[in-house]
Structure formats: structure tokens, C-alpha cells
Amino acid sequence: VTLVESGGGLAQPGWSLRLSCRASGFTFSSAYMSWARQAQGEEREFVAAINWKGGITDYADSAKGRFTISRDNRLNLVYLQMNDLKPEDTGTYYCVKAWRPRPWDYWGKGTLVTVSS
């Protein structure tokens, strides 16, 4: 299983970023996928999840109304569209092969998002 995130970077408050995760090594179209994040000095936290077909999603309260998770099963990609970014969204974002990320699940190496003016 390999998960490779991309799309992170520096953004100002109110900006948007779209993160991508390319998956390989397993049957992606049958897998629940999620995004988690970790701010410096904090524990990792759940951000968003999507079921195998893409018809069911779930979000952390902090992400509701601003973030959208989606997937493309033809390309083995899962996305996280992040709008109206806030400084508290700063952190490393991880793609996880799971509905609710747990330490023993498959995680990518992460992509850093920094929101600062």
C-alpha cells in the first residue's frame, strides 16, 4: 500500500487549496479513505472521510462547510478541497486508508499546509 499526498503549501487566510492523494498497491475502488491532520505539538485528528463509491462522506466539525472530500476511482485519487482556510488549519495533512484513521492503518507521509498572513 502506498499513499502519496500532494498539494500542500503556503496560503493566506481565506484562500483555497486542493490536496490530492494518489493510492496504489490495493483495490482503491473498494476502500474507504480519509484525511487526517496534525498541527505541530498536537495529536493527529480526523478531518474527512469518504466511502468506497464516494456517495457517503463525513467531516470533523472544524471542516464542515469549508472542506470537501472526493475521489476518482478511475485514477486512484482522493482529494480534499479546502476553502476559506484559517490559521488553525495549519498542519501536516495525511491520506489514510480507513474510514476513521487509527495509528495502525496505512498512512501517507503527509503534505504540509501553512495558513498565515
Protein backbone atom coordinates (compact mmCIF):
# COMPACT_ATOMS: atom_id res chain seq x y z
CA VAL A 1 0.00 0.00 0.00
CA THR A 2 1.35 3.39 -1.00
CA LEU A 3 -0.34 6.73 -0.41
CA VAL A 4 1.29 9.90 -1.73
CA GLU A 5 -0.13 13.28 -0.84
CA SER A 6 0.45 16.50 -2.74
CA GLY A 7 -0.95 20.00 -3.00
CA GLY A 8 0.12 21.48 0.29
CA GLY A 9 1.81 24.82 0.60
CA LEU A 10 1.53 28.31 1.97
CA ALA A 11 -1.85 30.03 1.86
CA GLN A 12 -3.28 33.20 3.31
CA PRO A 13 -6.42 33.15 5.43
CA GLY A 14 -9.47 32.87 3.19
CA TRP A 15 -7.59 31.16 0.37
CA SER A 16 -8.28 27.69 -1.00
CA LEU A 17 -6.07 24.67 -1.54
CA ARG A 18 -6.79 21.27 -3.01
CA LEU A 19 -4.90 18.31 -1.69
CA SER A 20 -4.54 15.11 -3.69
CA CYS A 21 -3.63 11.61 -2.65
CA ARG A 22 -2.52 9.02 -5.15
CA ALA A 23 -3.09 5.46 -3.97
CA SER A 24 -1.56 2.24 -5.17
CA GLY A 25 -0.99 -1.31 -4.03
CA PHE A 26 -4.57 -2.17 -3.19
CA THR A 27 -8.04 -2.17 -4.71
CA PHE A 28 -8.72 1.52 -4.34
CA SER A 29 -12.31 1.39 -5.59
CA SER A 30 -13.23 -0.86 -2.64
CA ALA A 31 -11.52 1.17 0.06
CA TYR A 32 -12.80 3.75 2.49
CA MET A 33 -10.44 6.70 2.52
CA SER A 34 -9.94 9.64 4.82
CA TRP A 35 -7.84 12.67 5.56
CA ALA A 36 -6.31 13.46 8.91
CA ARG A 37 -4.07 16.30 10.02
CA GLN A 38 -1.57 17.08 12.71
CA ALA A 39 -0.62 20.50 13.92
CA GLN A 40 2.79 21.00 15.45
CA GLY A 41 2.76 19.75 19.01
CA GLU A 42 -0.73 18.31 18.70
CA GLU A 43 -2.15 14.87 18.16
CA ARG A 44 -3.34 13.73 14.79
CA GLU A 45 -7.03 14.40 14.20
CA PHE A 46 -9.66 13.24 11.77
CA VAL A 47 -10.65 15.71 9.05
CA ALA A 48 -12.85 13.96 6.47
CA ALA A 49 -13.80 10.52 5.18
CA ILE A 50 -15.38 9.08 2.06
CA ASN A 51 -16.84 5.68 1.34
CA TRP A 52 -15.70 3.44 -1.48
CA LYS A 53 -18.13 4.78 -4.04
CA GLY A 54 -18.00 8.40 -2.95
CA GLY A 55 -21.64 8.71 -2.03
CA ILE A 56 -21.13 8.94 1.72
CA THR A 57 -18.85 11.45 3.36
CA ASP A 58 -18.20 12.62 6.88
CA TYR A 59 -16.39 15.60 8.29
CA ALA A 60 -14.95 16.87 11.50
CA ASP A 61 -16.86 19.84 12.84
CA SER A 62 -13.89 22.06 12.01
CA ALA A 63 -14.12 21.04 8.35
CA LYS A 64 -17.87 21.13 7.79
CA GLY A 65 -18.95 23.76 5.31
CA ARG A 66 -15.40 24.55 4.21
CA PHE A 67 -13.77 21.28 3.15
CA THR A 68 -14.96 18.74 0.60
CA ILE A 69 -13.59 15.24 0.20
CA SER A 70 -13.99 13.48 -3.13
CA ARG A 71 -12.44 10.65 -5.09
CA ASP A 72 -11.80 9.42 -8.60
CA ASN A 73 -11.78 5.64 -8.65
CA ARG A 74 -10.58 5.55 -12.26
CA LEU A 75 -7.39 7.40 -11.32
CA ASN A 76 -6.96 6.08 -7.77
CA LEU A 77 -7.09 9.59 -6.37
CA VAL A 78 -8.74 11.10 -3.34
CA TYR A 79 -8.98 14.86 -2.93
CA LEU A 80 -9.53 17.35 -0.16
CA GLN A 81 -10.78 20.72 -1.35
CA MET A 82 -10.17 23.24 1.40
CA ASN A 83 -11.86 26.63 1.17
CA ASP A 84 -11.79 29.65 3.46
CA LEU A 85 -8.62 28.45 5.09
CA LYS A 86 -7.88 29.60 8.62
CA PRO A 87 -4.60 29.75 10.53
CA GLU A 88 -5.82 26.88 12.70
CA ASP A 89 -5.92 24.69 9.58
CA THR A 90 -2.13 24.75 9.56
CA GLY A 91 -0.61 21.31 9.85
CA THR A 92 0.53 18.24 8.02
CA TYR A 93 -2.31 16.55 6.17
CA TYR A 94 -2.31 12.81 5.76
CA CYS A 95 -4.19 10.49 3.45
CA VAL A 96 -5.32 7.34 5.24
CA LYS A 97 -6.73 4.07 4.01
CA ALA A 98 -9.56 3.94 6.53
CA TRP A 99 -12.93 5.44 7.41
CA ARG A 100 -11.62 6.64 10.77
CA PRO A 101 -7.82 6.89 10.88
CA ARG A 102 -6.10 4.81 13.50
CA PRO A 103 -2.35 4.53 14.09
CA TRP A 104 -2.14 1.05 12.61
CA ASP A 105 -3.90 1.97 9.35
CA TYR A 106 -1.98 2.80 6.19
CA TRP A 107 -0.94 6.45 6.16
CA GLY A 108 0.84 8.56 3.60
CA LYS A 109 3.84 10.67 4.54
CA GLY A 110 1.77 13.84 4.55
CA THR A 111 1.78 17.24 2.91
CA LEU A 112 2.30 20.45 4.86
CA VAL A 113 -0.31 23.20 4.79
CA THR A 114 0.58 26.55 6.29
CA VAL A 115 -2.05 29.24 6.59
CA SER A 116 -0.58 32.58 7.51
CA SER A 117 -0.83 36.20 6.51
